[in-house]
């Protein structure tokens, strides 16, 4: 596949762009994990940043909520943040020690998040009401989460080496991975309902069927440390190779190709897609755009 690959400066090198998502306003919204802020990259290339208070919020993952606002996790101060497309902010305090990481809009009109250091999956309504469901593991390090096509949420347990599924009533099912100590992180749902995930420690991709059957796909470079993933509408997936400074692509036939980023050691993390291409947040302060 021929891919145009460019890098767009976003913020300073110490800001740490991490999560990225399309907003309802046509812009891309990113978390600045190191700087403690949110950035907006508009279609015309303009960049605006919104500082978060207090310092030390460490925002990680961001998504569009059912109310048309952007919702994000604040792993540094146990809060869920909300910002409108006009920049109005508010936060929802979670129990101390929650360690929110991944977040996704659920099929029930609420936001669902992972409690990384609390072994929980939480649910927040747009009015701020929230509750949490305990996971049947200790120290599992719940990481990323996505809404499935089955009216459930699917998530990764990085240290428990499993993919989990939680129903809207809080019932949890865990599916252990075939490869030991694989370290699953990123997870996403494809247009066809396939759940894709990455195994950062094993250098593999994975997919899981609704009945729990898991298929693992080794990468050509097992040391690439895949971190985040987004489904390809044609049936494959795009993913960041955080340890190899590349963006990878798996096509529907199983062929894997990798595309080096222009700047060395740019630390690609979050990844998303829009009609204009594939976008990745580079922790060194830029955005990568790949246009197939």
C-alpha atoms as a PDB file:
ATOM      1  CA  UNK A   1       0.000   0.000   0.000  1.00  0.00           C
ATOM      2  CA  UNK A   2       1.259   3.480  -0.864  1.00  0.00           C
ATOM      3  CA  UNK A   3       0.918   5.824   2.103  1.00  0.00           C
ATOM      4  CA  UNK A   4       1.614   9.545   2.376  1.00  0.00           C
ATOM      5  CA  UNK A   5       3.224  10.158   5.749  1.00  0.00           C
ATOM      6  CA  UNK A   6       3.642  13.577   7.319  1.00  0.00           C
ATOM      7  CA  UNK A   7       4.261  15.022  10.761  1.00  0.00           C
ATOM      8  CA  UNK A   8       2.541  18.143  12.043  1.00  0.00           C
ATOM      9  CA  UNK A   9       3.986  20.124  14.993  1.00  0.00           C
ATOM     10  CA  UNK A  10       1.402  20.484  17.740  1.00  0.00           C
ATOM     11  CA  UNK A  11       2.859  21.582  21.075  1.00  0.00           C
ATOM     12  CA  UNK A  12       6.217  21.718  22.833  1.00  0.00           C
ATOM     13  CA  UNK A  13       8.316  18.577  23.333  1.00  0.00           C
ATOM     14  CA  UNK A  14       7.466  18.417  27.041  1.00  0.00           C
ATOM     15  CA  UNK A  15       3.683  18.371  26.595  1.00  0.00           C
ATOM     16  CA  UNK A  16       3.362  14.648  25.918  1.00  0.00           C
ATOM     17  CA  UNK A  17       0.419  14.217  23.486  1.00  0.00           C
ATOM     18  CA  UNK A  18      -1.082  10.855  24.409  1.00  0.00           C
ATOM     19  CA  UNK A  19      -4.751  10.201  23.576  1.00  0.00           C
ATOM     20  CA  UNK A  20      -6.429  11.398  20.371  1.00  0.00           C
ATOM     21  CA  UNK A  21      -9.999  11.365  19.098  1.00  0.00           C
ATOM     22  CA  UNK A  22     -12.147  13.119  16.468  1.00  0.00           C
ATOM     23  CA  UNK A  23     -14.491  15.668  17.986  1.00  0.00           C
ATOM     24  CA  UNK A  24     -18.051  16.443  16.929  1.00  0.00           C
ATOM     25  CA  UNK A  25     -16.762  19.786  15.607  1.00  0.00           C
ATOM     26  CA  UNK A  26     -14.541  18.191  12.950  1.00  0.00           C
ATOM     27  CA  UNK A  27     -11.365  18.846  14.939  1.00  0.00           C
ATOM     28  CA  UNK A  28      -8.975  16.392  16.558  1.00  0.00           C
ATOM     29  CA  UNK A  29      -8.768  16.524  20.348  1.00  0.00           C
ATOM     30  CA  UNK A  30      -5.747  15.293  22.276  1.00  0.00           C
ATOM     31  CA  UNK A  31      -4.654  14.846  25.863  1.00  0.00           C
ATOM     32  CA  UNK A  32      -1.336  16.398  26.895  1.00  0.00           C
ATOM     33  CA  UNK A  33      -0.255  13.952  29.571  1.00  0.00           C
ATOM     34  CA  UNK A  34       2.928  15.698  30.641  1.00  0.00           C
ATOM     35  CA  UNK A  35       1.708  19.289  30.424  1.00  0.00           C
ATOM     36  CA  UNK A  36      -1.674  18.593  31.997  1.00  0.00           C
ATOM     37  CA  UNK A  37      -3.865  19.969  29.233  1.00  0.00           C
ATOM     38  CA  UNK A  38      -6.141  19.323  26.285  1.00  0.00           C
ATOM     39  CA  UNK A  39      -5.268  20.340  22.724  1.00  0.00           C
ATOM     40  CA  UNK A  40      -7.562  20.993  19.772  1.00  0.00           C
ATOM     41  CA  UNK A  41      -6.229  20.630  16.231  1.00  0.00           C
ATOM     42  CA  UNK A  42      -8.712  22.180  13.812  1.00  0.00           C
ATOM     43  CA  UNK A  43      -9.198  21.188  10.163  1.00  0.00           C
ATOM     44  CA  UNK A  44      -7.402  24.366   9.059  1.00  0.00           C
ATOM     45  CA  UNK A  45      -4.326  23.449  11.113  1.00  0.00           C
ATOM     46  CA  UNK A  46      -4.881  25.842  14.013  1.00  0.00           C
ATOM     47  CA  UNK A  47      -3.907  24.563  17.450  1.00  0.00           C
ATOM     48  CA  UNK A  48      -5.463  25.651  20.724  1.00  0.00           C
ATOM     49  CA  UNK A  49      -4.563  24.308  24.145  1.00  0.00           C
ATOM     50  CA  UNK A  50      -6.624  24.257  27.332  1.00  0.00           C
ATOM     51  CA  UNK A  51      -4.682  23.926  30.610  1.00  0.00           C
ATOM     52  CA  UNK A  52      -6.159  21.723  33.315  1.00  0.00           C
ATOM     53  CA  UNK A  53      -6.285  22.657  36.965  1.00  0.00           C
ATOM     54  CA  UNK A  54      -4.827  21.723  39.339  1.00  0.00           C
ATOM     55  CA  UNK A  55      -1.377  20.671  38.145  1.00  0.00           C
ATOM     56  CA  UNK A  56      -0.556  16.976  38.048  1.00  0.00           C
ATOM     57  CA  UNK A  57      -3.809  15.856  36.419  1.00  0.00           C
ATOM     58  CA  UNK A  58      -2.018  13.665  33.823  1.00  0.00           C
ATOM     59  CA  UNK A  59      -4.861  13.237  31.297  1.00  0.00           C
ATOM     60  CA  UNK A  60      -4.625  10.009  29.299  1.00  0.00           C
ATOM     61  CA  UNK A  61      -7.498   8.876  27.057  1.00  0.00           C
ATOM     62  CA  UNK A  62     -10.145  11.085  25.453  1.00  0.00           C
ATOM     63  CA  UNK A  63     -13.391  10.298  23.651  1.00  0.00           C
ATOM     64  CA  UNK A  64     -16.518  12.021  22.398  1.00  0.00           C
ATOM     65  CA  UNK A  65     -19.443  11.607  24.766  1.00  0.00           C
ATOM     66  CA  UNK A  66     -23.130  11.191  23.938  1.00  0.00           C
ATOM     67  CA  UNK A  67     -23.691  14.823  24.925  1.00  0.00           C
ATOM     68  CA  UNK A  68     -21.391  16.229  22.243  1.00  0.00           C
ATOM     69  CA  UNK A  69     -18.604  17.085  24.697  1.00  0.00           C
ATOM     70  CA  UNK A  70     -15.162  15.504  25.018  1.00  0.00           C
ATOM     71  CA  UNK A  71     -14.589  13.270  28.052  1.00  0.00           C
ATOM     72  CA  UNK A  72     -11.186  12.197  29.323  1.00  0.00           C
ATOM     73  CA  UNK A  73      -9.480  10.419  32.188  1.00  0.00           C
ATOM     74  CA  UNK A  74      -7.253  12.267  34.651  1.00  0.00           C
ATOM     75  CA  UNK A  75      -4.980   9.562  36.003  1.00  0.00           C
ATOM     76  CA  UNK A  76      -2.977  11.915  38.207  1.00  0.00           C
ATOM     77  CA  UNK A  77      -5.817  13.170  40.406  1.00  0.00           C
ATOM     78  CA  UNK A  78      -8.549  10.505  40.117  1.00  0.00           C
ATOM     79  CA  UNK A  79     -11.010  12.523  38.091  1.00  0.00           C
ATOM     80  CA  UNK A  80     -12.981  12.317  34.874  1.00  0.00           C
ATOM     81  CA  UNK A  81     -12.776  15.516  32.875  1.00  0.00           C
ATOM     82  CA  UNK A  82     -15.236  17.023  30.452  1.00  0.00           C
ATOM     83  CA  UNK A  83     -14.630  19.814  27.964  1.00  0.00           C
ATOM     84  CA  UNK A  84     -17.077  21.267  25.465  1.00  0.00           C
ATOM     85  CA  UNK A  85     -16.050  22.217  21.941  1.00  0.00           C
ATOM     86  CA  UNK A  86     -16.092  25.827  23.207  1.00  0.00           C
ATOM     87  CA  UNK A  87     -13.588  25.025  25.954  1.00  0.00           C
ATOM     88  CA  UNK A  88     -15.900  24.954  28.985  1.00  0.00           C
ATOM     89  CA  UNK A  89     -14.586  22.486  31.554  1.00  0.00           C
ATOM     90  CA  UNK A  90     -15.796  20.529  34.549  1.00  0.00           C
ATOM     91  CA  UNK A  91     -14.579  17.478  36.428  1.00  0.00           C
ATOM     92  CA  UNK A  92     -16.075  14.534  38.283  1.00  0.00           C
ATOM     93  CA  UNK A  93     -14.175  13.325  41.335  1.00  0.00           C
ATOM     94  CA  UNK A  94     -13.678   9.573  41.689  1.00  0.00           C
ATOM     95  CA  UNK A  95     -12.655   7.655  44.824  1.00  0.00           C
ATOM     96  CA  UNK A  96      -9.019   8.152  45.766  1.00  0.00           C
ATOM     97  CA  UNK A  97      -6.791   5.496  44.226  1.00  0.00           C
ATOM     98  CA  UNK A  98      -9.042   4.801  41.226  1.00  0.00           C
ATOM     99  CA  UNK A  99      -6.345   5.560  38.649  1.00  0.00           C
ATOM    100  CA  UNK A 100      -8.631   6.093  35.636  1.00  0.00           C
ATOM    101  CA  UNK A 101      -7.038   5.246  32.305  1.00  0.00           C
ATOM    102  CA  UNK A 102      -9.197   4.180  29.344  1.00  0.00           C
ATOM    103  CA  UNK A 103     -12.604   5.689  28.599  1.00  0.00           C
ATOM    104  CA  UNK A 104     -15.319   4.983  26.039  1.00  0.00           C
ATOM    105  CA  UNK A 105     -18.914   5.933  25.379  1.00  0.00           C
ATOM    106  CA  UNK A 106     -21.217   3.025  26.153  1.00  0.00           C
ATOM    107  CA  UNK A 107     -24.444   1.976  24.417  1.00  0.00           C
ATOM    108  CA  UNK A 108     -26.414   3.160  27.453  1.00  0.00           C
ATOM    109  CA  UNK A 109     -25.612   6.863  27.104  1.00  0.00           C
ATOM    110  CA  UNK A 110     -22.933   6.783  29.819  1.00  0.00           C
ATOM    111  CA  UNK A 111     -19.135   6.913  29.818  1.00  0.00           C
ATOM    112  CA  UNK A 112     -17.263   3.806  30.936  1.00  0.00           C
ATOM    113  CA  UNK A 113     -13.702   3.895  32.241  1.00  0.00           C
ATOM    114  CA  UNK A 114     -11.035   1.559  33.581  1.00  0.00           C
ATOM    115  CA  UNK A 115      -9.769   1.869  37.142  1.00  0.00           C
ATOM    116  CA  UNK A 116      -6.120   1.079  36.525  1.00  0.00           C
ATOM    117  CA  UNK A 117      -5.016   0.942  40.157  1.00  0.00           C
ATOM    118  CA  UNK A 118      -8.332  -0.025  41.734  1.00  0.00           C
ATOM    119  CA  UNK A 119      -9.265  -3.186  39.803  1.00  0.00           C
ATOM    120  CA  UNK A 120     -12.569  -1.663  38.748  1.00  0.00           C
ATOM    121  CA  UNK A 121     -14.585  -0.679  35.708  1.00  0.00           C
ATOM    122  CA  UNK A 122     -16.496   2.525  36.294  1.00  0.00           C
ATOM    123  CA  UNK A 123     -19.558   4.143  34.783  1.00  0.00           C
ATOM    124  CA  UNK A 124     -20.241   7.887  34.683  1.00  0.00           C
ATOM    125  CA  UNK A 125     -23.484   9.442  33.518  1.00  0.00           C
ATOM    126  CA  UNK A 126     -23.373  12.818  31.816  1.00  0.00           C
ATOM    127  CA  UNK A 127     -24.902  14.433  34.900  1.00  0.00           C
ATOM    128  CA  UNK A 128     -21.936  13.262  36.986  1.00  0.00           C
ATOM    129  CA  UNK A 129     -23.539  10.264  38.669  1.00  0.00           C
ATOM    130  CA  UNK A 130     -21.047   7.436  38.831  1.00  0.00           C
ATOM    131  CA  UNK A 131     -20.503   3.958  40.220  1.00  0.00           C
ATOM    132  CA  UNK A 132     -17.850   1.256  39.861  1.00  0.00           C
ATOM    133  CA  UNK A 133     -17.872  -2.510  39.420  1.00  0.00           C
ATOM    134  CA  UNK A 134     -15.107  -4.610  41.013  1.00  0.00           C
ATOM    135  CA  UNK A 135     -13.076  -6.938  38.823  1.00  0.00           C
ATOM    136  CA  UNK A 136     -12.365 -10.558  39.868  1.00  0.00           C
ATOM    137  CA  UNK A 137      -8.597  -9.957  39.877  1.00  0.00           C
ATOM    138  CA  UNK A 138      -6.063  -8.133  42.038  1.00  0.00           C
ATOM    139  CA  UNK A 139      -3.405  -5.988  40.401  1.00  0.00           C
ATOM    140  CA  UNK A 140      -4.798  -6.599  36.916  1.00  0.00           C
ATOM    141  CA  UNK A 141      -4.018  -3.042  35.707  1.00  0.00           C
ATOM    142  CA  UNK A 142      -7.162  -2.439  33.676  1.00  0.00           C
ATOM    143  CA  UNK A 143      -5.969  -0.328  30.760  1.00  0.00           C
ATOM    144  CA  UNK A 144      -8.066   0.485  27.688  1.00  0.00           C
ATOM    145  CA  UNK A 145     -11.775  -0.014  27.011  1.00  0.00           C
ATOM    146  CA  UNK A 146     -14.073   0.027  23.997  1.00  0.00           C
ATOM    147  CA  UNK A 147     -17.772  -0.424  23.322  1.00  0.00           C
ATOM    148  CA  UNK A 148     -18.530  -3.676  21.525  1.00  0.00           C
ATOM    149  CA  UNK A 149     -21.253  -4.453  19.030  1.00  0.00           C
ATOM    150  CA  UNK A 150     -22.945  -6.665  21.633  1.00  0.00           C
ATOM    151  CA  UNK A 151     -24.055  -3.890  24.018  1.00  0.00           C
ATOM    152  CA  UNK A 152     -21.146  -4.645  26.328  1.00  0.00           C
ATOM    153  CA  UNK A 153     -17.786  -3.042  27.022  1.00  0.00           C
ATOM    154  CA  UNK A 154     -14.495  -4.825  26.315  1.00  0.00           C
ATOM    155  CA  UNK A 155     -11.244  -3.976  28.071  1.00  0.00           C
ATOM    156  CA  UNK A 156      -7.646  -5.090  28.518  1.00  0.00           C
ATOM    157  CA  UNK A 157      -6.031  -6.259  31.752  1.00  0.00           C
ATOM    158  CA  UNK A 158      -2.357  -5.531  31.205  1.00  0.00           C
ATOM    159  CA  UNK A 159      -0.954  -7.360  34.230  1.00  0.00           C
ATOM    160  CA  UNK A 160      -3.620 -10.071  34.437  1.00  0.00           C
ATOM    161  CA  UNK A 161      -2.879 -11.018  30.810  1.00  0.00           C
ATOM    162  CA  UNK A 162      -6.515 -11.085  29.774  1.00  0.00           C
ATOM    163  CA  UNK A 163      -9.244  -9.354  27.827  1.00  0.00           C
ATOM    164  CA  UNK A 164     -12.407  -8.649  29.785  1.00  0.00           C
ATOM    165  CA  UNK A 165     -16.047  -8.084  28.937  1.00  0.00           C
ATOM    166  CA  UNK A 166     -18.522  -6.264  31.151  1.00  0.00           C
ATOM    167  CA  UNK A 167     -22.280  -6.204  30.612  1.00  0.00           C
ATOM    168  CA  UNK A 168     -24.273  -3.079  31.371  1.00  0.00           C
ATOM    169  CA  UNK A 169     -25.388  -4.670  34.642  1.00  0.00           C
ATOM    170  CA  UNK A 170     -21.770  -5.105  35.761  1.00  0.00           C
ATOM    171  CA  UNK A 171     -21.339  -8.827  35.019  1.00  0.00           C
ATOM    172  CA  UNK A 172     -17.684  -9.450  34.153  1.00  0.00           C
ATOM    173  CA  UNK A 173     -16.175 -12.254  32.052  1.00  0.00           C
ATOM    174  CA  UNK A 174     -12.409 -12.630  31.622  1.00  0.00           C
ATOM    175  CA  UNK A 175     -10.669 -14.308  28.706  1.00  0.00           C
ATOM    176  CA  UNK A 176      -7.028 -15.265  29.411  1.00  0.00           C
ATOM    177  CA  UNK A 177      -4.594 -14.750  26.537  1.00  0.00           C
ATOM    178  CA  UNK A 178      -2.802 -17.758  25.029  1.00  0.00           C
ATOM    179  CA  UNK A 179       0.604 -16.058  25.284  1.00  0.00           C
ATOM    180  CA  UNK A 180       1.930 -15.629  28.812  1.00  0.00           C
ATOM    181  CA  UNK A 181       2.870 -12.116  29.965  1.00  0.00           C
ATOM    182  CA  UNK A 182       1.675 -10.610  26.687  1.00  0.00           C
ATOM    183  CA  UNK A 183       0.748  -7.282  28.303  1.00  0.00           C
ATOM    184  CA  UNK A 184      -2.426  -6.255  26.401  1.00  0.00           C
ATOM    185  CA  UNK A 185      -3.034  -2.497  26.201  1.00  0.00           C
ATOM    186  CA  UNK A 186      -4.926  -0.888  23.307  1.00  0.00           C
ATOM    187  CA  UNK A 187      -8.326  -2.248  22.269  1.00  0.00           C
ATOM    188  CA  UNK A 188     -10.927  -1.232  19.688  1.00  0.00           C
ATOM    189  CA  UNK A 189     -14.075  -2.459  17.981  1.00  0.00           C
ATOM    190  CA  UNK A 190     -14.196  -2.747  14.208  1.00  0.00           C
ATOM    191  CA  UNK A 191     -17.078  -1.748  11.989  1.00  0.00           C
ATOM    192  CA  UNK A 192     -17.912  -5.433  11.651  1.00  0.00           C
ATOM    193  CA  UNK A 193     -17.981  -5.974  15.416  1.00  0.00           C
ATOM    194  CA  UNK A 194     -14.529  -7.578  15.667  1.00  0.00           C
ATOM    195  CA  UNK A 195     -12.648  -6.687  18.844  1.00  0.00           C
ATOM    196  CA  UNK A 196      -8.974  -5.957  18.128  1.00  0.00           C
ATOM    197  CA  UNK A 197      -6.245  -5.478  20.733  1.00  0.00           C
ATOM    198  CA  UNK A 198      -2.469  -5.217  20.982  1.00  0.00           C
ATOM    199  CA  UNK A 199      -0.002  -7.109  23.159  1.00  0.00           C
ATOM    200  CA  UNK A 200       2.787  -4.681  23.950  1.00  0.00           C
ATOM    201  CA  UNK A 201       5.077  -7.145  25.709  1.00  0.00           C
ATOM    202  CA  UNK A 202       4.646  -9.993  23.203  1.00  0.00           C
ATOM    203  CA  UNK A 203       4.800  -7.911  20.023  1.00  0.00           C
ATOM    204  CA  UNK A 204       1.486  -9.248  18.761  1.00  0.00           C
ATOM    205  CA  UNK A 205      -1.962  -8.183  17.664  1.00  0.00           C
ATOM    206  CA  UNK A 206      -5.039 -10.055  18.758  1.00  0.00           C
ATOM    207  CA  UNK A 207      -8.704 -10.357  17.966  1.00  0.00           C
ATOM    208  CA  UNK A 208     -11.460 -11.883  20.026  1.00  0.00           C
ATOM    209  CA  UNK A 209     -14.816 -13.152  18.841  1.00  0.00           C
ATOM    210  CA  UNK A 210     -18.049 -12.576  20.806  1.00  0.00           C
ATOM    211  CA  UNK A 211     -17.830 -16.167  22.089  1.00  0.00           C
ATOM    212  CA  UNK A 212     -14.351 -15.500  23.504  1.00  0.00           C
ATOM    213  CA  UNK A 213     -12.208 -17.260  20.903  1.00  0.00           C
ATOM    214  CA  UNK A 214      -8.851 -15.462  20.655  1.00  0.00           C
ATOM    215  CA  UNK A 215      -6.492 -15.339  17.670  1.00  0.00           C
ATOM    216  CA  UNK A 216      -3.007 -13.844  18.138  1.00  0.00           C
ATOM    217  CA  UNK A 217      -1.027 -12.413  15.225  1.00  0.00           C
ATOM    218  CA  UNK A 218       2.738 -12.018  15.734  1.00  0.00           C
ATOM    219  CA  UNK A 219       4.315  -8.884  14.276  1.00  0.00           C
ATOM    220  CA  UNK A 220       7.372  -9.164  12.014  1.00  0.00           C
ATOM    221  CA  UNK A 221       9.229  -7.131  14.661  1.00  0.00           C
ATOM    222  CA  UNK A 222       8.349  -8.677  18.020  1.00  0.00           C
ATOM    223  CA  UNK A 223      10.172  -5.822  19.799  1.00  0.00           C
ATOM    224  CA  UNK A 224       7.967  -3.112  18.226  1.00  0.00           C
ATOM    225  CA  UNK A 225       5.879  -2.705  21.402  1.00  0.00           C
ATOM    226  CA  UNK A 226       2.450  -2.058  19.843  1.00  0.00           C
ATOM    227  CA  UNK A 227       0.483   0.260  22.083  1.00  0.00           C
ATOM    228  CA  UNK A 228      -2.753   1.633  20.588  1.00  0.00           C
ATOM    229  CA  UNK A 229      -5.011   0.349  17.815  1.00  0.00           C
ATOM    230  CA  UNK A 230      -7.880   1.503  15.626  1.00  0.00           C
ATOM    231  CA  UNK A 231      -9.908  -0.623  13.222  1.00  0.00           C
ATOM    232  CA  UNK A 232      -9.595  -0.261   9.461  1.00  0.00           C
ATOM    233  CA  UNK A 233     -13.033   0.010   7.799  1.00  0.00           C
ATOM    234  CA  UNK A 234     -11.829  -2.487   5.179  1.00  0.00           C
ATOM    235  CA  UNK A 235     -11.477  -5.187   7.837  1.00  0.00           C
ATOM    236  CA  UNK A 236      -7.963  -4.835   9.206  1.00  0.00           C
ATOM    237  CA  UNK A 237      -6.436  -2.506  11.775  1.00  0.00           C
ATOM    238  CA  UNK A 238      -3.906   0.302  12.222  1.00  0.00           C
ATOM    239  CA  UNK A 239      -1.682   0.392  15.285  1.00  0.00           C
ATOM    240  CA  UNK A 240       1.194   2.309  16.827  1.00  0.00           C
ATOM    241  CA  UNK A 241       4.577   0.631  17.157  1.00  0.00           C
ATOM    242  CA  UNK A 242       5.719   2.665  20.134  1.00  0.00           C
ATOM    243  CA  UNK A 243       9.077   0.918  20.489  1.00  0.00           C
ATOM    244  CA  UNK A 244       9.925   1.018  16.780  1.00  0.00           C
ATOM    245  CA  UNK A 245       8.799   4.556  15.834  1.00  0.00           C
ATOM    246  CA  UNK A 246       6.349   3.312  13.242  1.00  0.00           C
ATOM    247  CA  UNK A 247       2.669   3.026  12.401  1.00  0.00           C
ATOM    248  CA  UNK A 248       1.638  -0.495  11.432  1.00  0.00           C
ATOM    249  CA  UNK A 249      -1.203  -1.811   9.311  1.00  0.00           C
ATOM    250  CA  UNK A 250      -2.817  -5.245   9.142  1.00  0.00           C
ATOM    251  CA  UNK A 251      -4.907  -5.776   6.026  1.00  0.00           C
ATOM    252  CA  UNK A 252      -7.867  -8.173   5.731  1.00  0.00           C
ATOM    253  CA  UNK A 253      -5.640 -10.856   4.188  1.00  0.00           C
ATOM    254  CA  UNK A 254      -3.300 -10.852   7.211  1.00  0.00           C
ATOM    255  CA  UNK A 255      -0.465  -8.929   5.564  1.00  0.00           C
ATOM    256  CA  UNK A 256       1.350  -6.538   7.896  1.00  0.00           C
ATOM    257  CA  UNK A 257       3.169  -3.413   6.725  1.00  0.00           C
ATOM    258  CA  UNK A 258       4.919  -0.757   8.819  1.00  0.00           C
ATOM    259  CA  UNK A 259       5.502   2.907   8.028  1.00  0.00           C
ATOM    260  CA  UNK A 260       8.431   4.685   9.739  1.00  0.00           C
ATOM    261  CA  UNK A 261       7.701   8.116  11.185  1.00  0.00           C
ATOM    262  CA  UNK A 262       9.718  11.109   9.892  1.00  0.00           C
ATOM    263  CA  UNK A 263      11.230  12.015  13.279  1.00  0.00           C
ATOM    264  CA  UNK A 264      13.205   9.430  15.227  1.00  0.00           C
ATOM    265  CA  UNK A 265      12.074   8.476  18.735  1.00  0.00           C
ATOM    266  CA  UNK A 266       8.767  10.320  18.362  1.00  0.00           C
ATOM    267  CA  UNK A 267       6.940   7.853  20.645  1.00  0.00           C
ATOM    268  CA  UNK A 268       3.655   7.264  18.794  1.00  0.00           C
ATOM    269  CA  UNK A 269       0.849   6.506  21.164  1.00  0.00           C
ATOM    270  CA  UNK A 270      -2.852   7.228  20.583  1.00  0.00           C
ATOM    271  CA  UNK A 271      -4.258   6.493  17.141  1.00  0.00           C
ATOM    272  CA  UNK A 272      -7.539   7.262  15.399  1.00  0.00           C
ATOM    273  CA  UNK A 273      -8.983   7.568  11.934  1.00  0.00           C
ATOM    274  CA  UNK A 274     -11.064  10.140  10.092  1.00  0.00           C
ATOM    275  CA  UNK A 275     -12.104  10.428   6.430  1.00  0.00           C
ATOM    276  CA  UNK A 276      -8.806  12.298   5.910  1.00  0.00           C
ATOM    277  CA  UNK A 277      -6.584   9.476   7.088  1.00  0.00           C
ATOM    278  CA  UNK A 278      -4.961   7.837  10.090  1.00  0.00           C
ATOM    279  CA  UNK A 279      -3.761  10.098  12.904  1.00  0.00           C
ATOM    280  CA  UNK A 280      -1.426   9.375  15.793  1.00  0.00           C
ATOM    281  CA  UNK A 281      -0.432  11.407  18.838  1.00  0.00           C
ATOM    282  CA  UNK A 282       3.354  11.619  19.111  1.00  0.00           C
ATOM    283  CA  UNK A 283       4.504  12.052  22.688  1.00  0.00           C
ATOM    284  CA  UNK A 284       7.329  14.327  21.529  1.00  0.00           C
ATOM    285  CA  UNK A 285       4.803  17.037  20.687  1.00  0.00           C
ATOM    286  CA  UNK A 286       3.374  16.404  17.210  1.00  0.00           C
ATOM    287  CA  UNK A 287       0.695  14.587  15.216  1.00  0.00           C
ATOM    288  CA  UNK A 288       1.381  12.038  12.491  1.00  0.00           C
ATOM    289  CA  UNK A 289      -0.996  11.809   9.543  1.00  0.00           C
ATOM    290  CA  UNK A 290      -0.945   8.827   7.217  1.00  0.00           C
ATOM    291  CA  UNK A 291      -3.056   8.980   4.097  1.00  0.00           C
ATOM    292  CA  UNK A 292      -3.429   5.672   2.232  1.00  0.00           C
END
